[in-house]
C-alpha atoms as a PDB file:
ATOM      1  CA  UNK A   1       9.793   9.102 -24.327  1.00  0.00           C
ATOM      2  CA  UNK A   2       9.342   6.798 -21.354  1.00  0.00           C
ATOM      3  CA  UNK A   3      10.658   3.266 -21.737  1.00  0.00           C
ATOM      4  CA  UNK A   4       8.382   0.264 -21.288  1.00  0.00           C
ATOM      5  CA  UNK A   5       9.594  -0.542 -17.772  1.00  0.00           C
ATOM      6  CA  UNK A   6       8.826   2.924 -16.430  1.00  0.00           C
ATOM      7  CA  UNK A   7       5.510   3.003 -18.295  1.00  0.00           C
ATOM      8  CA  UNK A   8       4.431  -0.278 -16.726  1.00  0.00           C
ATOM      9  CA  UNK A   9       5.461   0.908 -13.243  1.00  0.00           C
ATOM     10  CA  UNK A  10       3.438   4.109 -13.635  1.00  0.00           C
ATOM     11  CA  UNK A  11       0.392   2.227 -14.934  1.00  0.00           C
ATOM     12  CA  UNK A  12       0.594  -0.345 -12.139  1.00  0.00           C
ATOM     13  CA  UNK A  13       0.913   2.357  -9.475  1.00  0.00           C
ATOM     14  CA  UNK A  14      -2.085   4.214 -10.878  1.00  0.00           C
ATOM     15  CA  UNK A  15      -0.242   7.219 -12.287  1.00  0.00           C
ATOM     16  CA  UNK A  16       2.838   9.383 -11.838  1.00  0.00           C
ATOM     17  CA  UNK A  17       1.607  10.955  -8.611  1.00  0.00           C
ATOM     18  CA  UNK A  18       0.824   7.577  -7.060  1.00  0.00           C
ATOM     19  CA  UNK A  19       4.227   6.142  -8.026  1.00  0.00           C
ATOM     20  CA  UNK A  20       5.969   9.181  -6.534  1.00  0.00           C
ATOM     21  CA  UNK A  21       3.963   8.784  -3.348  1.00  0.00           C
ATOM     22  CA  UNK A  22       4.746   5.079  -3.032  1.00  0.00           C
ATOM     23  CA  UNK A  23       8.512   5.591  -3.240  1.00  0.00           C
ATOM     24  CA  UNK A  24       8.527   8.788  -1.188  1.00  0.00           C
ATOM     25  CA  UNK A  25       9.771  11.382  -3.677  1.00  0.00           C
ATOM     26  CA  UNK A  26       8.297  14.476  -5.340  1.00  0.00           C
ATOM     27  CA  UNK A  27       6.008  14.039  -8.350  1.00  0.00           C
ATOM     28  CA  UNK A  28       8.086  16.342 -10.640  1.00  0.00           C
ATOM     29  CA  UNK A  29      11.066  14.031 -10.152  1.00  0.00           C
ATOM     30  CA  UNK A  30       9.148  11.039 -11.520  1.00  0.00           C
ATOM     31  CA  UNK A  31       7.633  13.186 -14.286  1.00  0.00           C
ATOM     32  CA  UNK A  32      11.133  14.004 -15.532  1.00  0.00           C
ATOM     33  CA  UNK A  33      12.212  10.357 -15.869  1.00  0.00           C
ATOM     34  CA  UNK A  34      12.597   8.626 -19.217  1.00  0.00           C
ATOM     35  CA  UNK A  35      13.512   5.412 -17.409  1.00  0.00           C
ATOM     36  CA  UNK A  36      13.798   4.382 -13.768  1.00  0.00           C
ATOM     37  CA  UNK A  37      17.102   5.655 -12.326  1.00  0.00           C
ATOM     38  CA  UNK A  38      19.452   2.910 -11.160  1.00  0.00           C
ATOM     39  CA  UNK A  39      19.260   4.061  -7.546  1.00  0.00           C
ATOM     40  CA  UNK A  40      15.423   3.874  -7.588  1.00  0.00           C
ATOM     41  CA  UNK A  41      14.977   0.431  -9.184  1.00  0.00           C
ATOM     42  CA  UNK A  42      14.672  -1.544  -5.942  1.00  0.00           C
ATOM     43  CA  UNK A  43      12.191   0.943  -4.443  1.00  0.00           C
ATOM     44  CA  UNK A  44      10.023   0.972  -7.588  1.00  0.00           C
ATOM     45  CA  UNK A  45      10.094  -2.832  -7.738  1.00  0.00           C
ATOM     46  CA  UNK A  46       8.977  -3.083  -4.109  1.00  0.00           C
ATOM     47  CA  UNK A  47       6.243  -0.468  -4.608  1.00  0.00           C
ATOM     48  CA  UNK A  48       4.766  -1.840  -7.830  1.00  0.00           C
ATOM     49  CA  UNK A  49       5.752  -5.495  -8.113  1.00  0.00           C
ATOM     50  CA  UNK A  50       7.264  -4.822 -11.558  1.00  0.00           C
ATOM     51  CA  UNK A  51      10.455  -6.901 -11.709  1.00  0.00           C
ATOM     52  CA  UNK A  52      13.757  -5.078 -11.824  1.00  0.00           C
ATOM     53  CA  UNK A  53      14.702  -6.931 -15.037  1.00  0.00           C
ATOM     54  CA  UNK A  54      11.728  -5.269 -16.733  1.00  0.00           C
ATOM     55  CA  UNK A  55      12.397  -1.877 -15.151  1.00  0.00           C
ATOM     56  CA  UNK A  56      16.066  -1.820 -16.154  1.00  0.00           C
ATOM     57  CA  UNK A  57      17.010  -4.801 -18.350  1.00  0.00           C
ATOM     58  CA  UNK A  58      20.347  -3.123 -19.065  1.00  0.00           C
ATOM     59  CA  UNK A  59      21.282  -3.493 -15.384  1.00  0.00           C
ATOM     60  CA  UNK A  60      19.484  -6.703 -14.412  1.00  0.00           C
ATOM     61  CA  UNK A  61      19.685  -9.455 -17.000  1.00  0.00           C
ATOM     62  CA  UNK A  62      19.551 -12.329 -14.493  1.00  0.00           C
ATOM     63  CA  UNK A  63      16.470 -13.394 -12.461  1.00  0.00           C
ATOM     64  CA  UNK A  64      15.791 -11.032  -9.608  1.00  0.00           C
ATOM     65  CA  UNK A  65      17.296 -12.076  -6.298  1.00  0.00           C
ATOM     66  CA  UNK A  66      15.821 -10.597  -3.145  1.00  0.00           C
ATOM     67  CA  UNK A  67      18.168  -8.625  -0.993  1.00  0.00           C
ATOM     68  CA  UNK A  68      19.995 -11.110   1.218  1.00  0.00           C
ATOM     69  CA  UNK A  69      19.320  -9.019   4.314  1.00  0.00           C
ATOM     70  CA  UNK A  70      15.538  -9.224   3.851  1.00  0.00           C
ATOM     71  CA  UNK A  71      13.748 -12.416   4.791  1.00  0.00           C
ATOM     72  CA  UNK A  72      11.411 -13.703   2.016  1.00  0.00           C
ATOM     73  CA  UNK A  73       8.532 -13.568   4.483  1.00  0.00           C
ATOM     74  CA  UNK A  74       9.184  -9.864   5.016  1.00  0.00           C
ATOM     75  CA  UNK A  75       9.339  -9.331   1.251  1.00  0.00           C
ATOM     76  CA  UNK A  76       5.905 -10.981   0.973  1.00  0.00           C
ATOM     77  CA  UNK A  77       4.617  -8.810   3.831  1.00  0.00           C
ATOM     78  CA  UNK A  78       5.899  -5.686   2.108  1.00  0.00           C
ATOM     79  CA  UNK A  79       4.132  -6.608  -1.113  1.00  0.00           C
ATOM     80  CA  UNK A  80       0.865  -7.168   0.763  1.00  0.00           C
ATOM     81  CA  UNK A  81       1.135  -3.735   2.346  1.00  0.00           C
ATOM     82  CA  UNK A  82       1.990  -2.195  -1.033  1.00  0.00           C
ATOM     83  CA  UNK A  83      -1.131  -3.731  -2.568  1.00  0.00           C
ATOM     84  CA  UNK A  84      -3.334  -2.428   0.253  1.00  0.00           C
ATOM     85  CA  UNK A  85      -1.701   1.006   0.033  1.00  0.00           C
ATOM     86  CA  UNK A  86      -2.363   1.164  -3.706  1.00  0.00           C
ATOM     87  CA  UNK A  87      -6.030   0.266  -3.252  1.00  0.00           C
ATOM     88  CA  UNK A  88      -6.526   2.676  -0.362  1.00  0.00           C
ATOM     89  CA  UNK A  89      -4.760   5.629  -1.979  1.00  0.00           C
ATOM     90  CA  UNK A  90      -6.916   5.676  -5.100  1.00  0.00           C
ATOM     91  CA  UNK A  91      -9.130   3.655  -7.389  1.00  0.00           C
ATOM     92  CA  UNK A  92      -7.086   0.977  -9.186  1.00  0.00           C
ATOM     93  CA  UNK A  93      -6.231   1.462 -12.845  1.00  0.00           C
ATOM     94  CA  UNK A  94      -7.165  -1.061 -15.527  1.00  0.00           C
ATOM     95  CA  UNK A  95      -3.568  -2.305 -15.440  1.00  0.00           C
ATOM     96  CA  UNK A  96      -3.589  -2.821 -11.684  1.00  0.00           C
ATOM     97  CA  UNK A  97      -6.942  -4.596 -11.839  1.00  0.00           C
ATOM     98  CA  UNK A  98      -5.445  -6.920 -14.428  1.00  0.00           C
ATOM     99  CA  UNK A  99      -2.501  -7.662 -12.151  1.00  0.00           C
ATOM    100  CA  UNK A 100      -4.841  -8.348  -9.221  1.00  0.00           C
ATOM    101  CA  UNK A 101      -6.974 -10.661 -11.366  1.00  0.00           C
ATOM    102  CA  UNK A 102      -3.904 -12.863 -11.711  1.00  0.00           C
ATOM    103  CA  UNK A 103      -3.580 -13.475  -7.975  1.00  0.00           C
ATOM    104  CA  UNK A 104      -3.985 -17.029  -6.754  1.00  0.00           C
ATOM    105  CA  UNK A 105      -4.911 -18.319  -3.323  1.00  0.00           C
ATOM    106  CA  UNK A 106      -4.714 -21.393  -1.146  1.00  0.00           C
ATOM    107  CA  UNK A 107      -6.984 -22.720   1.602  1.00  0.00           C
ATOM    108  CA  UNK A 108      -5.749 -20.275   4.256  1.00  0.00           C
ATOM    109  CA  UNK A 109      -7.864 -17.215   5.168  1.00  0.00           C
ATOM    110  CA  UNK A 110      -5.402 -14.942   3.380  1.00  0.00           C
ATOM    111  CA  UNK A 111      -5.271 -17.251   0.373  1.00  0.00           C
ATOM    112  CA  UNK A 112      -9.061 -17.289   0.119  1.00  0.00           C
ATOM    113  CA  UNK A 113      -9.069 -13.485   0.377  1.00  0.00           C
ATOM    114  CA  UNK A 114      -6.550 -13.295  -2.493  1.00  0.00           C
ATOM    115  CA  UNK A 115      -8.707 -15.587  -4.635  1.00  0.00           C
ATOM    116  CA  UNK A 116     -11.847 -13.555  -3.866  1.00  0.00           C
ATOM    117  CA  UNK A 117     -10.074 -10.299  -4.731  1.00  0.00           C
ATOM    118  CA  UNK A 118      -8.787 -11.787  -7.987  1.00  0.00           C
ATOM    119  CA  UNK A 119     -12.322 -12.833  -8.921  1.00  0.00           C
ATOM    120  CA  UNK A 120     -13.716  -9.403  -8.040  1.00  0.00           C
ATOM    121  CA  UNK A 121     -11.018  -7.646 -10.094  1.00  0.00           C
ATOM    122  CA  UNK A 122     -11.589  -9.852 -13.124  1.00  0.00           C
ATOM    123  CA  UNK A 123     -15.087  -8.603 -13.896  1.00  0.00           C
ATOM    124  CA  UNK A 124     -15.394  -5.104 -12.441  1.00  0.00           C
ATOM    125  CA  UNK A 125     -15.455  -2.160 -14.905  1.00  0.00           C
ATOM    126  CA  UNK A 126     -12.877   0.529 -14.156  1.00  0.00           C
ATOM    127  CA  UNK A 127     -15.580   3.221 -14.095  1.00  0.00           C
ATOM    128  CA  UNK A 128     -17.534   1.252 -11.505  1.00  0.00           C
ATOM    129  CA  UNK A 129     -14.620   0.836  -9.123  1.00  0.00           C
ATOM    130  CA  UNK A 130     -13.703   4.505  -9.568  1.00  0.00           C
ATOM    131  CA  UNK A 131     -17.230   5.514  -8.561  1.00  0.00           C
ATOM    132  CA  UNK A 132     -17.139   3.090  -5.657  1.00  0.00           C
ATOM    133  CA  UNK A 133     -13.863   4.551  -4.379  1.00  0.00           C
ATOM    134  CA  UNK A 134     -15.294   8.067  -4.676  1.00  0.00           C
ATOM    135  CA  UNK A 135     -18.440   7.189  -2.752  1.00  0.00           C
ATOM    136  CA  UNK A 136     -16.504   5.358  -0.043  1.00  0.00           C
ATOM    137  CA  UNK A 137     -13.576   7.675   0.596  1.00  0.00           C
ATOM    138  CA  UNK A 138     -14.227  11.056  -1.074  1.00  0.00           C
ATOM    139  CA  UNK A 139     -17.912  11.798  -1.567  1.00  0.00           C
ATOM    140  CA  UNK A 140     -19.682  15.101  -1.990  1.00  0.00           C
ATOM    141  CA  UNK A 141     -18.464  16.728   1.192  1.00  0.00           C
ATOM    142  CA  UNK A 142     -17.162  13.457   2.663  1.00  0.00           C
ATOM    143  CA  UNK A 143     -17.191   9.784   1.851  1.00  0.00           C
ATOM    144  CA  UNK A 144     -18.943   7.002   3.709  1.00  0.00           C
ATOM    145  CA  UNK A 145     -15.653   6.158   5.446  1.00  0.00           C
ATOM    146  CA  UNK A 146     -12.844   8.375   6.736  1.00  0.00           C
ATOM    147  CA  UNK A 147      -9.655   6.265   6.585  1.00  0.00           C
ATOM    148  CA  UNK A 148      -7.624   8.207   9.162  1.00  0.00           C
ATOM    149  CA  UNK A 149      -6.239   7.037  12.487  1.00  0.00           C
ATOM    150  CA  UNK A 150      -7.267  10.252  14.251  1.00  0.00           C
ATOM    151  CA  UNK A 151     -10.881   9.857  13.189  1.00  0.00           C
ATOM    152  CA  UNK A 152     -11.116   6.210  14.209  1.00  0.00           C
ATOM    153  CA  UNK A 153      -9.399   6.759  17.547  1.00  0.00           C
ATOM    154  CA  UNK A 154     -10.904  10.109  18.587  1.00  0.00           C
ATOM    155  CA  UNK A 155     -13.853  10.824  16.286  1.00  0.00           C
ATOM    156  CA  UNK A 156     -12.101  13.895  14.874  1.00  0.00           C
ATOM    157  CA  UNK A 157      -9.450  14.565  12.230  1.00  0.00           C
ATOM    158  CA  UNK A 158      -5.938  15.893  12.909  1.00  0.00           C
ATOM    159  CA  UNK A 159      -5.940  14.988  16.587  1.00  0.00           C
ATOM    160  CA  UNK A 160      -3.268  13.572  18.916  1.00  0.00           C
ATOM    161  CA  UNK A 161      -2.827  10.260  17.063  1.00  0.00           C
ATOM    162  CA  UNK A 162      -1.556  12.279  14.092  1.00  0.00           C
ATOM    163  CA  UNK A 163       0.872  14.339  16.190  1.00  0.00           C
ATOM    164  CA  UNK A 164       2.199  11.173  17.840  1.00  0.00           C
ATOM    165  CA  UNK A 165       2.647   9.556  14.440  1.00  0.00           C
ATOM    166  CA  UNK A 166       4.547  12.583  13.136  1.00  0.00           C
ATOM    167  CA  UNK A 167       6.860  12.450  16.144  1.00  0.00           C
ATOM    168  CA  UNK A 168       7.620   8.775  15.541  1.00  0.00           C
ATOM    169  CA  UNK A 169       8.182   9.342  11.825  1.00  0.00           C
ATOM    170  CA  UNK A 170      10.657  12.117  12.623  1.00  0.00           C
ATOM    171  CA  UNK A 171      12.462   9.861  15.076  1.00  0.00           C
ATOM    172  CA  UNK A 172      12.693   7.110  12.442  1.00  0.00           C
ATOM    173  CA  UNK A 173      13.918   9.562   9.815  1.00  0.00           C
ATOM    174  CA  UNK A 174      10.889   9.031   7.538  1.00  0.00           C
ATOM    175  CA  UNK A 175      10.052  12.244   5.700  1.00  0.00           C
ATOM    176  CA  UNK A 176       6.782  13.260   4.085  1.00  0.00           C
ATOM    177  CA  UNK A 177       6.903  13.423   0.274  1.00  0.00           C
ATOM    178  CA  UNK A 178       6.468  16.943  -1.094  1.00  0.00           C
ATOM    179  CA  UNK A 179       3.498  16.065  -3.322  1.00  0.00           C
ATOM    180  CA  UNK A 180       1.398  14.394  -0.598  1.00  0.00           C
ATOM    181  CA  UNK A 181      -1.381  16.521   0.865  1.00  0.00           C
ATOM    182  CA  UNK A 182      -3.238  13.909   2.921  1.00  0.00           C
ATOM    183  CA  UNK A 183      -2.412  13.764   6.655  1.00  0.00           C
ATOM    184  CA  UNK A 184       0.149  11.090   7.435  1.00  0.00           C
ATOM    185  CA  UNK A 185      -2.358   9.019   9.405  1.00  0.00           C
ATOM    186  CA  UNK A 186      -4.233   8.043   6.227  1.00  0.00           C
ATOM    187  CA  UNK A 187      -4.472   4.251   6.005  1.00  0.00           C
ATOM    188  CA  UNK A 188      -2.681   4.181   2.638  1.00  0.00           C
ATOM    189  CA  UNK A 189       0.285   6.102   4.012  1.00  0.00           C
ATOM    190  CA  UNK A 190       0.545   3.842   7.049  1.00  0.00           C
ATOM    191  CA  UNK A 191       0.511   0.774   4.789  1.00  0.00           C
ATOM    192  CA  UNK A 192       3.275   2.333   2.680  1.00  0.00           C
ATOM    193  CA  UNK A 193       5.329   2.955   5.818  1.00  0.00           C
ATOM    194  CA  UNK A 194       4.823  -0.629   6.993  1.00  0.00           C
ATOM    195  CA  UNK A 195       5.892  -1.834   3.530  1.00  0.00           C
ATOM    196  CA  UNK A 196       9.062   0.235   3.811  1.00  0.00           C
ATOM    197  CA  UNK A 197       9.793  -1.151   7.262  1.00  0.00           C
ATOM    198  CA  UNK A 198       9.158  -4.749   6.192  1.00  0.00           C
ATOM    199  CA  UNK A 199      11.334  -4.430   3.073  1.00  0.00           C
ATOM    200  CA  UNK A 200      14.095  -2.662   5.030  1.00  0.00           C
ATOM    201  CA  UNK A 201      13.827   0.489   2.904  1.00  0.00           C
ATOM    202  CA  UNK A 202      13.561   2.295   6.233  1.00  0.00           C
ATOM    203  CA  UNK A 203      16.272   1.305   8.652  1.00  0.00           C
ATOM    204  CA  UNK A 204      14.590   0.116  11.819  1.00  0.00           C
ATOM    205  CA  UNK A 205      14.989  -3.084  13.860  1.00  0.00           C
ATOM    206  CA  UNK A 206      12.083  -5.508  14.223  1.00  0.00           C
ATOM    207  CA  UNK A 207      11.410  -4.151  17.705  1.00  0.00           C
ATOM    208  CA  UNK A 208      10.756  -0.705  16.207  1.00  0.00           C
ATOM    209  CA  UNK A 209       8.585  -2.214  13.478  1.00  0.00           C
ATOM    210  CA  UNK A 210       6.480  -4.066  16.046  1.00  0.00           C
ATOM    211  CA  UNK A 211       6.136  -0.941  18.184  1.00  0.00           C
ATOM    212  CA  UNK A 212       5.057   1.125  15.163  1.00  0.00           C
ATOM    213  CA  UNK A 213       2.453  -1.456  14.161  1.00  0.00           C
ATOM    214  CA  UNK A 214       1.076  -1.791  17.680  1.00  0.00           C
ATOM    215  CA  UNK A 215       0.877   1.964  18.186  1.00  0.00           C
ATOM    216  CA  UNK A 216      -0.276   3.289  14.818  1.00  0.00           C
ATOM    217  CA  UNK A 217      -1.909   0.424  12.890  1.00  0.00           C
ATOM    218  CA  UNK A 218      -3.328  -2.281  15.183  1.00  0.00           C
ATOM    219  CA  UNK A 219      -5.576  -0.033  17.343  1.00  0.00           C
ATOM    220  CA  UNK A 220      -7.822   1.014  14.456  1.00  0.00           C
ATOM    221  CA  UNK A 221      -7.108  -0.257  10.942  1.00  0.00           C
ATOM    222  CA  UNK A 222      -8.830  -3.591  11.464  1.00  0.00           C
ATOM    223  CA  UNK A 223     -12.026  -1.655  12.231  1.00  0.00           C
ATOM    224  CA  UNK A 224     -11.612   0.291   8.989  1.00  0.00           C
ATOM    225  CA  UNK A 225     -11.367  -2.932   7.001  1.00  0.00           C
ATOM    226  CA  UNK A 226     -14.384  -4.362   8.833  1.00  0.00           C
ATOM    227  CA  UNK A 227     -16.320  -1.189   8.016  1.00  0.00           C
ATOM    228  CA  UNK A 228     -15.321  -1.587   4.353  1.00  0.00           C
ATOM    229  CA  UNK A 229     -16.775  -5.104   4.413  1.00  0.00           C
ATOM    230  CA  UNK A 230     -20.109  -3.709   5.620  1.00  0.00           C
ATOM    231  CA  UNK A 231     -20.218  -0.376   3.779  1.00  0.00           C
ATOM    232  CA  UNK A 232     -23.304   0.335   1.703  1.00  0.00           C
ATOM    233  CA  UNK A 233     -21.161   1.761  -1.105  1.00  0.00           C
ATOM    234  CA  UNK A 234     -18.805  -1.221  -1.242  1.00  0.00           C
ATOM    235  CA  UNK A 235     -18.757  -4.128  -3.639  1.00  0.00           C
ATOM    236  CA  UNK A 236     -15.199  -4.494  -4.910  1.00  0.00           C
ATOM    237  CA  UNK A 237     -13.914  -2.743  -1.787  1.00  0.00           C
ATOM    238  CA  UNK A 238     -15.879  -5.122   0.415  1.00  0.00           C
ATOM    239  CA  UNK A 239     -13.451  -7.804  -0.783  1.00  0.00           C
ATOM    240  CA  UNK A 240     -10.509  -5.436  -0.210  1.00  0.00           C
ATOM    241  CA  UNK A 241     -11.742  -5.051   3.359  1.00  0.00           C
ATOM    242  CA  UNK A 242     -11.764  -8.829   3.835  1.00  0.00           C
ATOM    243  CA  UNK A 243      -8.211  -9.070   2.524  1.00  0.00           C
ATOM    244  CA  UNK A 244      -7.014  -6.262   4.779  1.00  0.00           C
ATOM    245  CA  UNK A 245      -8.652  -7.736   7.847  1.00  0.00           C
ATOM    246  CA  UNK A 246      -7.225 -11.216   7.168  1.00  0.00           C
ATOM    247  CA  UNK A 247      -3.732  -9.811   6.649  1.00  0.00           C
ATOM    248  CA  UNK A 248      -3.843  -7.662   9.798  1.00  0.00           C
ATOM    249  CA  UNK A 249      -4.931 -10.695  11.816  1.00  0.00           C
ATOM    250  CA  UNK A 250      -1.763 -12.475  10.629  1.00  0.00           C
ATOM    251  CA  UNK A 251       0.401  -9.440  11.371  1.00  0.00           C
ATOM    252  CA  UNK A 252      -1.055  -9.056  14.852  1.00  0.00           C
ATOM    253  CA  UNK A 253      -0.443 -12.700  15.696  1.00  0.00           C
ATOM    254  CA  UNK A 254       3.086 -12.632  14.260  1.00  0.00           C
ATOM    255  CA  UNK A 255       4.076  -9.540  16.223  1.00  0.00           C
ATOM    256  CA  UNK A 256       2.650 -11.098  19.372  1.00  0.00           C
ATOM    257  CA  UNK A 257       4.797 -14.205  18.848  1.00  0.00           C
ATOM    258  CA  UNK A 258       7.940 -12.102  18.352  1.00  0.00           C
ATOM    259  CA  UNK A 259       7.541 -10.323  21.700  1.00  0.00           C
END
């Protein structure tokens, strides 16, 4: 029987397959767990936002302390990317919607986007958001939007942007999880990779992180989020698009300042 920490992580991620995808391992490995293995606690915490004390209270009885090598700003960035990845990879579960409804915001553009998303999550039925995700990204034949870098940059799937991404992932030592069938240039996967870079789960200096963002994210993902804001099928995901666009604006400016 799964313990409560693992159960909450799976629910928050949207299922076993989604949790496996977020931490970059095969789905059967997660399916075999009764509790989160000690060596996976930090990755699961970063991917789901479930505190390590809840995941493994036998190992972490004191308040969680962020890894000293990771700046708190980068931890916050990683969590933002994780949230976007979760919403882009599949329709959110009831548990995840509940977590999102608890978000608060300030007067900044990103803060207002958080508050708007929290409000949208607080009153949307799960069935409605599932249908919305299907219409937007899956569809009968294809969805209203195709969230792939190759499509946005060339008008076709599986083109040179994907091959260039695969080459950079190989150079960085980032391997594709066995249970993932989407091309690596899916927006959710790119957000997961950026989360791993920001949280230092993938070893790469800031220069590499900036180069990856500028090459594989900045040229197209802002347009995807803008299209989500204007999509006929979008209601909840219109607010997700606003959040994504506001966050990418911050990322773009920050990477420009670190040049």
